[in-house]
Amino acid sequence: MPPAAPPLLLHVQDLVKTYAGARVVDGVGFAIAPGECLGVIGPNGAGKTTTLRMCLGLAAPDAGRIEYFARPDGTALAMPRDALAIKARLGVVAQFDSLDPDFTCAENLQVFGRYFGLKRAVLDERVPQLLDFAALAHKADVRPGELSGGMRRRLSLARALINNPDLLLLDEPTTGLDPQARHLMWERLQRLLQGGKSILLTTHFMDEAERLCSRLLVLDHGRKIAEGRPRELIAAHLEPEVVEVYGPGAPALAASPLAAHAQRVEQSGETLFFYTHRARALLEALQAHPQLRTLHRPANLEDLFLKLTGRQIREDG
């Protein structure tokens, strides 16, 4: 007999939330097992942040169940009934920093730790360890307003770890960071996953989702439209190769014989995207158009995102 699967850390079932008569979350369900990183992706207004707020007890669902930390006997903690017990085992990094500007980095961690009832001896040991983890040991006595954006995000992550949580909930943790700061944040999150932590992550960065997430949940218009491992989703929904073509007259090629070399052709501005199993034949045919520039690459998570949710711009909200 195969070993029994470990109890789930979070199990969301048939979640519904309505605002002003519109369903912004419509029957969403998912689960997180120990050691997993589940990424939630989708356009603006897809329901990502609302789903996360309900999981945190900051918004009440109109229907559905949110259960945490299932036990072997099948019982679990439920939100909002057991909110305090649940939050004691969660670490949260919100989309926008909520650090106290009047406290130093070390004091931000110490004060937050006291909210969890941690004793001074525990904090005296844990705070330096977390500052070192966040690469902020040299900034212990500096206030958040004197830190860069990347440093503030790492301090928020360190603060979320003060209670040694079983599950981290991160809402777009690298938005607004430059590439160097983003890569450092990714390295810290990968270190947490390697150490056995579990993460629920919302993000707009497809490379972030592919690097960090063992599974992805794709939301659009409040509904779950796909779920699975990143590479498996790409293989299931996309042709394996993409040829991007741009330059004078490129859009006209969508209706030319070149399109026969692709299973699907999409246009974005002056660029054509040929999704194909026959990239070599297409590239050979494109040699007759030397004025055009081409990029040949494997299909990626961004291609999947655009196929499932469309290329049109979504306003914030």
Protein backbone atom coordinates (compact mmCIF):
# COMPACT_ATOMS: atom_id res chain seq x y z
CA MET A 1 0.00 0.00 0.00
CA PRO A 2 1.35 3.48 -0.86
CA PRO A 3 1.90 5.75 2.15
CA ALA A 4 -1.00 8.02 3.04
CA ALA A 5 -0.71 11.60 1.79
CA PRO A 6 0.14 14.10 4.54
CA PRO A 7 -2.79 16.20 5.80
CA LEU A 8 -3.44 19.41 3.87
CA LEU A 9 -2.27 22.75 5.24
CA LEU A 10 -5.03 24.65 3.43
CA HIS A 11 -8.16 23.39 1.72
CA VAL A 12 -10.47 25.88 -0.01
CA GLN A 13 -13.78 24.61 -1.38
CA ASP A 14 -16.32 26.35 -3.67
CA LEU A 15 -15.44 29.86 -2.53
CA VAL A 16 -17.83 32.62 -3.63
CA LYS A 17 -17.67 36.39 -3.08
CA THR A 18 -20.00 39.00 -4.55
CA TYR A 19 -19.52 42.77 -4.61
CA ALA A 20 -22.18 45.15 -5.98
CA GLY A 21 -24.02 42.25 -7.60
CA ALA A 22 -20.94 40.92 -9.43
CA ARG A 23 -19.27 37.62 -8.51
CA VAL A 24 -15.59 38.47 -8.13
CA VAL A 25 -14.82 34.95 -6.85
CA ASP A 26 -16.99 32.23 -8.33
CA GLY A 27 -16.62 28.69 -7.02
CA VAL A 28 -12.84 28.69 -6.52
CA GLY A 29 -11.25 25.71 -4.82
CA PHE A 30 -7.69 24.52 -4.24
CA ALA A 31 -5.45 22.82 -1.68
CA ILE A 32 -1.88 23.11 -0.42
CA ALA A 33 0.10 20.16 0.88
CA PRO A 34 3.18 20.41 3.14
CA GLY A 35 6.28 21.57 1.27
CA GLU A 36 4.34 22.95 -1.70
CA CYS A 37 4.38 26.37 -3.33
CA LEU A 38 1.05 27.08 -5.01
CA GLY A 39 1.05 30.08 -7.32
CA VAL A 40 -2.14 31.97 -8.11
CA ILE A 41 -1.96 33.91 -11.37
CA GLY A 42 -4.48 35.86 -13.41
CA PRO A 43 -5.14 39.31 -14.90
CA ASN A 44 -6.10 42.35 -12.84
CA GLY A 45 -9.57 41.80 -11.41
CA ALA A 46 -9.34 38.01 -11.71
CA GLY A 47 -10.09 37.51 -7.99
CA LYS A 48 -6.59 36.72 -6.69
CA THR A 49 -6.37 39.26 -3.89
CA THR A 50 -10.02 38.78 -2.88
CA THR A 51 -9.41 35.04 -2.57
CA LEU A 52 -6.34 35.68 -0.44
CA ARG A 53 -8.24 38.15 1.76
CA MET A 54 -10.91 35.52 2.41
CA CYS A 55 -8.24 32.96 3.27
CA LEU A 56 -6.88 35.44 5.82
CA GLY A 57 -10.29 36.19 7.34
CA LEU A 58 -10.16 39.81 6.10
CA ALA A 59 -13.27 39.30 3.96
CA ALA A 60 -16.15 36.92 4.61
CA PRO A 61 -17.08 34.52 1.80
CA ASP A 62 -20.69 34.38 0.67
CA ALA A 63 -20.33 30.63 0.25
CA GLY A 64 -17.70 27.93 0.50
CA ARG A 65 -15.30 26.57 3.11
CA ILE A 66 -11.76 27.52 4.14
CA GLU A 67 -10.01 24.91 6.28
CA TYR A 68 -6.46 24.94 7.62
CA PHE A 69 -4.05 22.45 9.14
CA ALA A 70 -6.00 19.22 8.75
CA ARG A 71 -5.27 16.52 11.31
CA PRO A 72 -4.91 12.79 10.61
CA ASP A 73 -8.35 12.21 12.15
CA GLY A 74 -9.92 14.40 9.43
CA THR A 75 -10.67 17.44 11.58
CA ALA A 76 -9.30 20.88 10.69
CA LEU A 77 -9.31 24.50 11.77
CA ALA A 78 -11.91 26.58 9.90
CA MET A 79 -11.90 30.24 8.96
CA PRO A 80 -13.38 32.42 10.43
CA ARG A 81 -14.33 30.26 13.45
CA ASP A 82 -10.73 29.48 14.39
CA ALA A 83 -9.15 32.67 13.04
CA LEU A 84 -6.83 33.32 15.99
CA ALA A 85 -5.49 29.75 16.08
CA ILE A 86 -4.99 29.81 12.32
CA LYS A 87 -3.19 33.16 12.22
CA ALA A 88 -0.80 31.98 14.92
CA ARG A 89 0.53 29.47 12.37
CA LEU A 90 0.55 31.76 9.30
CA GLY A 91 3.10 34.19 7.93
CA VAL A 92 1.74 36.97 5.71
CA VAL A 93 3.42 39.41 3.34
CA ALA A 94 0.80 41.83 2.03
CA GLN A 95 0.92 43.51 -1.36
CA PHE A 96 1.90 46.81 0.30
CA ASP A 97 4.34 47.18 3.17
CA SER A 98 2.86 47.75 6.64
CA LEU A 99 6.13 48.19 8.50
CA ASP A 100 6.13 50.60 11.43
CA PRO A 101 8.14 53.65 10.29
CA ASP A 102 9.01 54.67 13.88
CA PHE A 103 10.78 51.42 14.74
CA THR A 104 14.12 50.14 13.53
CA CYS A 105 14.34 46.92 11.54
CA ALA A 106 15.12 44.92 14.67
CA GLU A 107 12.33 46.61 16.62
CA ASN A 108 9.80 45.87 13.86
CA LEU A 109 10.56 42.18 14.29
CA GLN A 110 10.60 42.29 18.08
CA VAL A 111 7.26 44.11 18.39
CA PHE A 112 5.61 41.81 15.85
CA GLY A 113 6.94 38.79 17.72
CA ARG A 114 5.30 40.02 20.91
CA TYR A 115 1.92 39.91 19.16
CA PHE A 116 2.44 36.13 19.06
CA GLY A 117 3.40 36.01 22.73
CA LEU A 118 7.02 35.12 22.03
CA LYS A 119 9.30 35.49 25.05
CA ARG A 120 12.22 37.92 25.04
CA ALA A 121 14.77 35.08 25.09
CA VAL A 122 13.20 33.61 21.94
CA LEU A 123 13.15 36.99 20.21
CA ASP A 124 16.73 37.78 21.19
CA GLU A 125 17.76 34.63 19.35
CA ARG A 126 15.33 34.75 16.42
CA VAL A 127 15.53 38.43 15.41
CA PRO A 128 19.28 38.39 14.52
CA GLN A 129 18.78 35.11 12.63
CA LEU A 130 15.95 36.59 10.56
CA LEU A 131 17.80 39.82 9.85
CA ASP A 132 20.73 37.73 8.62
CA PHE A 133 18.37 35.61 6.49
CA ALA A 134 16.97 38.80 4.95
CA ALA A 135 20.50 40.17 4.33
CA LEU A 136 19.71 43.05 6.67
CA ALA A 137 21.98 42.36 9.64
CA HIS A 138 23.87 45.57 8.85
CA LYS A 139 20.57 47.51 8.89
CA ALA A 140 19.31 46.32 12.29
CA ASP A 141 19.24 49.84 13.76
CA VAL A 142 17.92 51.56 10.62
CA ARG A 143 14.28 52.61 10.18
CA PRO A 144 12.27 51.30 7.18
CA GLY A 145 12.09 54.74 5.56
CA GLU A 146 15.85 54.61 5.03
CA LEU A 147 15.71 51.25 3.22
CA SER A 148 15.36 50.52 -0.48
CA GLY A 149 12.19 48.89 -1.77
CA GLY A 150 13.88 45.49 -1.96
CA MET A 151 15.14 45.78 1.60
CA ARG A 152 11.67 46.69 2.87
CA ARG A 153 10.19 43.64 1.12
CA ARG A 154 12.83 41.39 2.67
CA LEU A 155 12.14 42.94 6.08
CA SER A 156 8.43 42.22 5.58
CA LEU A 157 9.32 38.60 4.77
CA ALA A 158 11.52 38.36 7.86
CA ARG A 159 8.69 39.76 9.97
CA ALA A 160 6.29 37.18 8.51
CA LEU A 161 8.67 34.44 9.68
CA ILE A 162 8.95 35.63 13.28
CA ASN A 163 6.41 33.07 14.54
CA ASN A 164 8.03 30.22 12.53
CA PRO A 165 4.81 29.71 10.51
CA ASP A 166 3.70 26.48 8.90
CA LEU A 167 2.33 28.32 5.85
CA LEU A 168 3.28 31.62 4.18
CA LEU A 169 0.73 33.68 2.23
CA LEU A 170 2.46 36.16 -0.07
CA ASP A 171 0.52 38.70 -2.16
CA GLU A 172 2.70 39.86 -5.07
CA PRO A 173 5.85 39.92 -2.93
CA THR A 174 8.19 41.32 -5.61
CA THR A 175 5.99 43.93 -7.31
CA GLY A 176 7.89 47.18 -7.80
CA LEU A 177 11.34 45.68 -7.27
CA ASP A 178 14.23 46.00 -9.70
CA PRO A 179 15.65 42.77 -11.20
CA GLN A 180 18.48 42.46 -8.66
CA ALA A 181 16.13 42.87 -5.69
CA ARG A 182 13.64 40.46 -7.24
CA HIS A 183 16.27 37.77 -7.76
CA LEU A 184 17.47 38.12 -4.17
CA MET A 185 13.88 37.76 -2.93
CA TRP A 186 13.46 34.64 -5.11
CA GLU A 187 16.62 33.15 -3.62
CA ARG A 188 15.27 33.67 -0.11
CA LEU A 189 11.90 32.14 -0.99
CA GLN A 190 13.60 29.14 -2.61
CA ARG A 191 15.64 28.70 0.55
CA LEU A 192 12.44 28.61 2.60
CA LEU A 193 10.91 25.98 0.29
CA GLN A 194 14.06 23.87 0.49
CA GLY A 195 13.77 24.10 4.28
CA GLY A 196 10.26 22.62 4.18
CA LYS A 197 8.07 25.74 4.33
CA SER A 198 4.86 25.90 2.30
CA ILE A 199 3.81 28.98 0.34
CA LEU A 200 0.67 30.38 -1.29
CA LEU A 201 1.87 33.05 -3.72
CA THR A 202 0.01 35.51 -5.96
CA THR A 203 2.10 37.09 -8.69
CA HIS A 204 2.00 38.92 -12.02
CA PHE A 205 5.50 37.72 -12.93
CA MET A 206 5.42 34.54 -14.99
CA ASP A 207 9.14 33.87 -14.51
CA GLU A 208 8.56 34.13 -10.76
CA ALA A 209 5.73 31.62 -10.93
CA GLU A 210 7.77 29.20 -13.02
CA ARG A 211 10.84 29.46 -10.76
CA LEU A 212 9.09 29.08 -7.42
CA CYS A 213 5.79 27.25 -7.83
CA SER A 214 5.30 23.50 -7.82
CA ARG A 215 1.69 24.03 -8.95
CA LEU A 216 -0.25 26.90 -10.49
CA LEU A 217 -3.87 28.02 -10.22
CA VAL A 218 -5.02 30.26 -13.09
CA LEU A 219 -7.96 32.56 -12.31
CA ASP A 220 -9.96 34.74 -14.66
CA HIS A 221 -13.21 36.58 -13.99
CA GLY A 222 -13.31 34.96 -10.56
CA ARG A 223 -13.21 31.38 -11.88
CA LYS A 224 -10.52 28.72 -11.89
CA ILE A 225 -9.68 28.08 -15.55
CA ALA A 226 -6.62 25.85 -15.16
CA GLU A 227 -4.55 24.14 -12.48
CA GLY A 228 -1.40 22.01 -12.59
CA ARG A 229 2.38 21.96 -12.68
CA PRO A 230 3.84 24.78 -14.80
CA ARG A 231 5.55 22.64 -17.46
CA GLU A 232 2.60 20.25 -17.65
CA LEU A 233 0.20 23.16 -18.20
CA ILE A 234 2.43 24.54 -20.95
CA ALA A 235 2.59 21.13 -22.66
CA ALA A 236 -1.17 20.62 -22.38
CA HIS A 237 -2.25 24.00 -23.74
CA LEU A 238 0.50 25.16 -26.11
CA GLU A 239 2.52 24.19 -29.13
CA PRO A 240 6.14 23.55 -28.09
CA GLU A 241 7.84 26.32 -30.10
CA VAL A 242 7.21 30.01 -30.72
CA VAL A 243 8.60 32.19 -33.49
CA GLU A 244 8.15 35.91 -32.95
CA VAL A 245 8.30 38.04 -36.12
CA TYR A 246 8.46 41.82 -36.12
CA GLY A 247 9.48 44.56 -38.51
CA PRO A 248 8.07 46.31 -41.62
CA GLY A 249 5.04 44.46 -42.94
CA ALA A 250 5.12 41.69 -40.33
CA PRO A 251 1.35 41.76 -39.51
CA ALA A 252 0.48 41.05 -43.14
CA LEU A 253 2.17 37.65 -42.87
CA ALA A 254 -0.68 36.37 -40.68
CA ALA A 255 -2.73 35.81 -43.85
CA SER A 256 0.21 34.59 -45.98
CA PRO A 257 1.28 31.01 -46.80
CA LEU A 258 3.71 31.25 -43.88
CA ALA A 259 0.79 30.74 -41.52
CA ALA A 260 0.53 27.14 -42.77
CA HIS A 261 3.71 26.37 -40.80
CA ALA A 262 1.99 27.19 -37.51
CA GLN A 263 -0.93 25.75 -35.60
CA ARG A 264 -1.83 29.21 -34.28
CA VAL A 265 -0.88 32.79 -35.13
CA GLU A 266 -1.48 35.75 -32.83
CA GLN A 267 -0.77 39.44 -33.30
CA SER A 268 0.22 41.99 -30.67
CA GLY A 269 0.91 45.41 -32.16
CA GLU A 270 3.48 44.99 -34.91
CA THR A 271 4.59 41.54 -33.70
CA LEU A 272 3.30 38.18 -34.90
CA PHE A 273 3.56 35.08 -32.73
CA PHE A 274 3.67 31.76 -34.62
CA TYR A 275 2.93 28.82 -32.29
CA THR A 276 4.22 25.76 -34.06
CA HIS A 277 5.52 22.21 -34.12
CA ARG A 278 7.50 23.06 -37.28
CA ALA A 279 9.74 25.96 -36.36
CA ARG A 280 12.59 24.92 -38.67
CA ALA A 281 10.40 25.03 -41.79
CA LEU A 282 8.94 28.37 -40.72
CA LEU A 283 12.37 29.91 -40.11
CA GLU A 284 13.55 28.70 -43.52
CA ALA A 285 10.51 30.31 -45.17
CA LEU A 286 11.13 33.56 -43.29
CA GLN A 287 14.55 33.88 -44.96
CA ALA A 288 12.65 35.26 -47.94
CA HIS A 289 11.79 38.29 -45.74
CA PRO A 290 15.21 39.66 -44.69
CA GLN A 291 13.67 42.96 -43.53
CA LEU A 292 12.00 41.12 -40.64
CA ARG A 293 13.52 40.22 -37.29
CA THR A 294 12.75 36.89 -35.66
CA LEU A 295 13.05 35.28 -32.25
CA HIS A 296 12.78 31.51 -31.92
CA ARG A 297 12.14 30.20 -28.39
CA PRO A 298 10.28 27.47 -26.48
CA ALA A 299 6.74 28.18 -25.34
CA ASN A 300 6.66 29.58 -21.83
CA LEU A 301 4.31 30.43 -19.00
CA GLU A 302 3.62 33.90 -20.35
CA ASP A 303 2.34 32.31 -23.58
CA LEU A 304 0.05 30.10 -21.49
CA PHE A 305 -1.21 33.08 -19.49
CA LEU A 306 -2.00 35.06 -22.65
CA LYS A 307 -3.71 32.12 -24.36
CA LEU A 308 -5.96 31.41 -21.38
CA THR A 309 -6.78 35.00 -20.39
CA GLY A 310 -6.33 36.97 -23.62
CA ARG A 311 -4.00 39.75 -24.73
CA GLN A 312 -6.31 42.66 -24.01
CA ILE A 313 -5.28 45.14 -21.34
CA ARG A 314 -7.17 44.86 -18.04
CA GLU A 315 -7.58 47.98 -15.94
CA ASP A 316 -6.54 47.77 -12.31
CA GLY A 317 -9.24 46.67 -9.93
